[in-house]
Protein backbone atom coordinates (compact mmCIF):
# COMPACT_ATOMS: atom_id res chain seq x y z
CA ILE A 1 95.33 103.98 117.55
CA SER A 2 95.04 106.23 114.48
CA PRO A 3 98.39 107.88 113.62
CA LYS A 4 98.46 111.60 114.39
CA GLU A 5 101.07 112.42 111.73
CA GLY A 6 101.53 111.58 108.06
CA VAL A 7 103.19 108.16 107.78
CA PRO A 8 103.61 105.55 105.01
CA MET A 9 100.58 103.32 104.52
CA TRP A 10 100.45 99.53 104.57
CA GLY A 11 98.85 97.21 102.06
CA TYR A 12 99.33 98.43 98.49
CA GLY A 13 102.77 98.44 96.88
CA ALA A 14 101.60 100.95 94.25
CA ARG A 15 101.55 103.65 96.94
CA HIS A 16 105.33 103.33 97.40
CA ASP A 17 106.29 105.65 100.29
CA HIS A 18 103.50 108.21 99.89
CA LEU A 19 102.41 109.55 103.26
CA SER A 20 98.91 109.39 104.70
CA THR A 21 96.81 112.55 104.44
CA GLY A 22 94.33 111.99 107.28
CA VAL A 23 91.72 109.66 108.74
CA LEU A 24 88.66 108.37 106.90
CA ASP A 25 87.45 106.59 110.04
CA PRO A 26 89.32 105.87 113.30
CA LEU A 27 91.53 102.84 113.89
CA TYR A 28 90.97 101.03 117.19
CA ALA A 29 92.46 98.36 119.42
CA ASP A 30 89.61 96.29 120.87
CA ALA A 31 90.31 93.89 123.73
CA VAL A 32 88.66 91.30 125.94
CA VAL A 33 90.40 89.64 128.88
CA LEU A 34 89.39 86.16 130.07
CA GLU A 35 90.40 84.69 133.42
CA ALA A 36 89.99 81.02 134.28
CA GLY A 37 91.84 78.67 136.56
CA GLY A 38 94.08 81.45 137.81
CA LYS A 39 95.31 82.33 134.30
CA LYS A 40 94.49 85.33 132.14
CA ILE A 41 94.54 85.78 128.37
CA ALA A 42 93.88 88.93 126.33
CA LEU A 43 92.29 88.69 122.90
CA VAL A 44 92.99 91.85 120.91
CA GLY A 45 91.68 92.83 117.50
CA LEU A 46 93.50 95.70 115.78
CA ASP A 47 92.40 97.91 112.89
CA LEU A 48 95.85 97.40 111.40
CA GLY A 49 97.22 95.47 108.47
CA ARG A 50 99.11 93.06 110.67
CA ALA A 51 100.09 92.43 114.27
CA PRO A 52 102.77 94.73 115.70
CA ALA A 53 106.37 93.91 114.82
CA GLU A 54 108.31 91.70 117.22
CA GLY A 55 109.85 94.51 119.26
CA SER A 56 106.48 96.19 119.84
CA LEU A 57 104.82 92.87 120.59
CA GLN A 58 107.32 92.00 123.29
CA ARG A 59 107.08 95.45 124.90
CA ILE A 60 103.28 95.15 124.99
CA ARG A 61 103.45 91.68 126.53
CA THR A 62 105.97 92.79 129.15
CA ARG A 63 103.70 95.64 130.21
CA ILE A 64 100.54 93.55 130.53
CA ARG A 65 102.34 90.81 132.47
CA ALA A 66 102.65 93.36 135.26
CA ALA A 67 98.83 93.14 135.51
CA GLY A 68 98.94 89.35 135.66
CA ILE A 69 98.07 88.82 132.01
CA GLU A 70 100.55 86.18 130.96
CA TYR A 71 99.02 85.27 127.60
CA SER A 72 97.76 87.26 124.62
CA ILE A 73 96.53 86.84 121.08
CA ILE A 74 97.03 90.11 119.22
CA GLY A 75 95.94 90.18 115.58
CA GLY A 76 95.47 92.76 112.84
CA SER A 77 92.27 92.90 110.79
CA HIS A 78 94.45 93.10 107.65
CA THR A 79 92.99 96.45 106.60
CA HIS A 80 94.97 97.86 103.66
CA HIS A 81 94.37 101.36 104.99
CA GLY A 82 96.54 101.20 108.09
CA PRO A 83 100.10 102.43 108.76
CA VAL A 84 103.28 100.58 107.81
CA LEU A 85 104.54 98.71 110.88
CA GLU A 86 107.87 97.35 109.64
CA LEU A 87 110.11 100.42 109.97
CA THR A 88 112.77 100.66 112.69
CA ASP A 89 114.97 103.30 114.28
CA GLN A 90 117.98 102.28 112.18
CA LEU A 91 119.68 103.97 109.24
CA GLY A 92 118.26 102.69 105.99
CA LYS A 93 115.24 101.20 107.74
CA GLY A 94 113.34 104.35 108.65
CA LYS A 95 115.53 106.56 110.82
CA PHE A 96 115.48 110.27 109.83
CA ARG A 97 113.32 109.65 106.76
CA PHE A 98 110.27 108.20 108.54
CA ASP A 99 110.70 109.36 112.12
CA ALA A 100 106.94 110.06 112.41
CA ALA A 101 106.21 106.40 111.75
CA ILE A 102 108.71 105.33 114.40
CA ARG A 103 107.14 107.77 116.88
CA TYR A 104 103.77 106.21 116.07
CA TYR A 105 104.83 102.79 117.31
CA GLY A 106 105.02 104.11 120.88
CA GLN A 107 101.53 105.59 120.52
CA MET A 108 100.26 102.28 119.11
CA GLU A 109 101.79 100.28 121.97
CA ASP A 110 100.25 102.64 124.54
CA GLY A 111 96.85 102.28 122.89
CA ILE A 112 96.95 98.49 122.81
CA VAL A 113 98.17 98.23 126.40
CA GLY A 114 95.51 100.75 127.46
CA ALA A 115 92.72 98.72 125.84
CA ILE A 116 93.92 95.50 127.51
CA LEU A 117 94.28 97.09 130.95
CA ASP A 118 90.89 98.76 130.61
CA ALA A 119 89.30 95.38 129.88
CA ASN A 120 91.25 93.80 132.75
CA GLY A 121 89.89 96.45 135.09
CA ARG A 122 86.32 95.43 134.26
CA LEU A 123 86.54 91.72 135.09
CA GLU A 124 83.29 90.20 136.36
CA PRO A 125 81.73 86.72 136.50
CA ALA A 126 80.73 85.70 132.99
CA LYS A 127 79.16 83.04 130.80
CA ILE A 128 80.34 82.04 127.33
CA ALA A 129 79.05 80.37 124.18
CA SER A 130 80.38 79.87 120.67
CA GLY A 131 78.85 79.07 117.32
CA SER A 132 79.37 79.31 113.59
CA VAL A 133 77.40 79.46 110.38
CA GLN A 134 78.21 79.13 106.69
CA LEU A 135 77.60 82.39 104.80
CA THR A 136 77.24 82.80 101.05
CA GLY A 137 77.58 86.09 99.23
CA PHE A 138 80.11 87.70 101.60
CA ASN A 139 83.48 86.53 100.30
CA ARG A 140 84.98 85.07 97.16
CA ASN A 141 88.22 83.52 95.92
CA ARG A 142 89.89 86.29 93.95
CA HIS A 143 92.74 84.41 92.24
CA THR A 144 92.33 80.69 91.74
CA LYS A 145 91.68 79.28 88.27
CA ARG A 146 90.73 75.93 89.76
CA GLU A 147 87.10 74.90 89.83
CA PRO A 148 85.22 74.85 92.07
CA LYS A 149 86.74 78.01 93.54
CA ILE A 150 87.47 77.28 97.19
CA SER A 151 86.23 79.73 99.81
CA ASP A 152 86.08 79.67 103.59
CA ARG A 153 82.45 80.60 104.27
CA GLU A 154 82.53 80.15 108.04
CA LEU A 155 81.48 83.03 110.28
CA ALA A 156 82.42 82.15 113.86
CA VAL A 157 81.35 84.00 117.00
CA TRP A 158 82.09 83.91 120.71
CA ARG A 159 79.45 85.55 122.89
CA ILE A 160 80.45 86.48 126.43
CA ASP A 161 77.68 87.56 128.81
CA SER A 162 77.63 88.79 132.39
CA ALA A 163 76.22 86.47 135.04
CA ALA A 164 72.93 88.35 134.67
CA GLY A 165 72.85 87.70 130.91
CA LYS A 166 73.96 91.09 129.62
CA PRO A 167 76.21 90.79 126.53
CA LEU A 168 79.73 91.94 127.49
CA ALA A 169 81.75 91.06 124.39
CA ILE A 170 81.25 89.49 120.99
CA VAL A 171 84.34 88.10 119.27
CA THR A 172 83.98 87.61 115.51
CA ASN A 173 86.15 85.60 113.12
CA PHE A 174 85.71 85.80 109.34
CA ALA A 175 88.04 85.50 106.37
CA ALA A 176 87.94 88.33 103.82
CA HIS A 177 90.55 90.93 102.89
CA PRO A 178 89.49 94.45 103.98
CA THR A 179 90.30 95.96 100.57
CA SER A 180 86.99 97.71 99.88
CA ILE A 181 88.52 101.20 99.58
CA ASP A 182 90.54 102.36 96.59
CA ALA A 183 94.31 102.28 97.03
CA ALA A 184 94.50 105.91 95.88
CA VAL A 185 92.76 107.01 99.10
CA LEU A 186 95.62 107.91 101.44
CA LYS A 187 93.51 108.07 104.57
CA PHE A 188 93.33 105.58 107.40
CA SER A 189 90.30 103.33 107.70
CA ALA A 190 89.23 100.13 109.41
CA ASP A 191 87.50 99.29 106.09
CA TYR A 192 84.45 97.02 106.41
CA VAL A 193 85.52 95.86 109.86
CA GLY A 194 84.70 99.30 111.29
CA GLY A 195 81.12 99.11 110.05
CA LEU A 196 80.77 95.56 111.37
CA LYS A 197 81.97 96.48 114.86
CA ASP A 198 79.89 99.66 115.03
CA LEU A 199 76.73 97.75 114.18
CA VAL A 200 77.44 94.93 116.65
CA ARG A 201 78.04 97.47 119.42
CA LYS A 202 74.88 99.38 118.55
CA GLU A 203 72.64 96.30 118.34
CA THR A 204 73.97 94.38 121.36
CA GLY A 205 75.63 96.90 123.67
CA ALA A 206 78.64 94.58 123.83
CA ALA A 207 82.27 95.27 123.06
CA ALA A 208 83.10 94.04 119.53
CA ILE A 209 86.39 92.31 118.75
CA PHE A 210 87.19 91.21 115.18
CA LEU A 211 89.82 88.59 114.42
CA GLU A 212 90.61 88.07 110.73
CA GLY A 213 90.50 84.50 109.48
CA ALA A 214 93.08 82.99 107.14
CA SER A 215 92.10 85.36 104.37
CA GLY A 216 94.62 84.17 101.77
CA ASP A 217 92.79 84.58 98.47
CA GLN A 218 89.49 85.43 100.19
CA SER A 219 88.21 88.88 99.18
CA ALA A 220 85.15 90.66 100.49
CA ASP A 221 82.27 90.24 98.03
CA CYS A 222 80.70 93.65 98.50
CA GLY A 223 78.07 93.32 95.77
CA GLY A 224 78.19 97.03 94.98
CA LYS A 225 78.06 98.12 98.64
CA ASP A 226 80.65 100.53 100.01
CA HIS A 227 82.85 99.42 102.88
CA ARG A 228 80.50 100.71 105.58
CA ALA A 229 77.37 99.14 104.12
CA PHE A 230 79.11 95.81 103.54
CA GLY A 231 80.47 95.79 107.10
CA GLU A 232 77.03 96.54 108.50
CA ALA A 233 75.49 93.72 106.44
CA LEU A 234 78.10 91.28 107.77
CA GLY A 235 77.57 92.73 111.25
CA GLN A 236 73.87 91.89 111.00
CA GLU A 237 74.86 88.27 110.41
CA VAL A 238 77.05 88.41 113.52
CA VAL A 239 74.14 89.76 115.58
CA LYS A 240 71.79 87.14 114.15
CA LEU A 241 74.18 84.29 114.99
CA SER A 242 74.92 85.72 118.43
CA ALA A 243 71.20 85.81 119.23
CA THR A 244 70.98 82.03 118.76
CA LEU A 245 73.69 81.33 121.34
CA SER A 246 73.02 80.55 125.01
CA PRO A 247 76.07 81.39 127.12
CA GLN A 248 76.72 79.10 130.08
CA VAL A 249 79.21 79.00 132.93
CA PRO A 250 81.79 76.33 132.02
CA GLU A 251 81.66 73.36 134.39
CA LYS A 252 85.42 73.44 134.93
CA PRO A 253 86.78 76.80 133.71
CA ALA A 254 90.41 76.51 132.58
CA LEU A 255 92.88 77.99 130.12
CA ASP A 256 95.34 75.81 128.25
CA VAL A 257 97.84 77.83 126.23
CA ARG A 258 100.60 76.81 123.84
CA GLU A 259 102.75 79.19 121.81
CA GLU A 260 104.81 78.10 118.84
CA ARG A 261 107.45 80.49 117.47
CA MET A 262 108.49 80.29 113.83
CA THR A 263 111.39 82.14 112.24
CA PHE A 264 111.36 83.12 108.57
């Protein structure tokens, strides 16, 4: 889902409306579809600063409902090296000045829908397990003056295996802003999340889906590592945790879904 044209970048106000100049590493939409009790849900991790805007989100959901996927959780990794997603085809809100960005939203929607439908086309009997661990040295509280400085250290993982025990997908949740690349770099990047997913895929053979935690004031504590090396180090922790899990077939597979809509 990397933009093919120069568009404004999301995440740092100091950039103003400067356009992107290329791709440092590709942006992806990664999806897993779960079916239980006659219901389907798609979990989608995006190498974007945020989830798609409301119009895009509803178009995506309409398209996947045609494949029987009624529910979806679609979240951005919060990378600060993704495209701006808030522009619209209205005067004063992007039309004429940022038409490339508006064209991109169609490409983005196609990519997300394509990832979901691809996953849906590969459904097979599966087993699942979840687990979490407290990690030190991977994130820090960047703003608070209160002591002790509060941080969410939890790394959480879902491991989904085939009936034969082959890892199919690993869903990771961790809270740390992907801000490891200088704001002056006007190229798209998944930041540390790209390195994490690449390592998980390489080590396990499974699809890798990253869902950002409530990052708030939580920054990545890179310890001198660049974004790739930090992501790979965190990815090793994901692989280590995943290896301790023993996926099982749920006794009574079911999906219970509730959506709450809030207007700001």
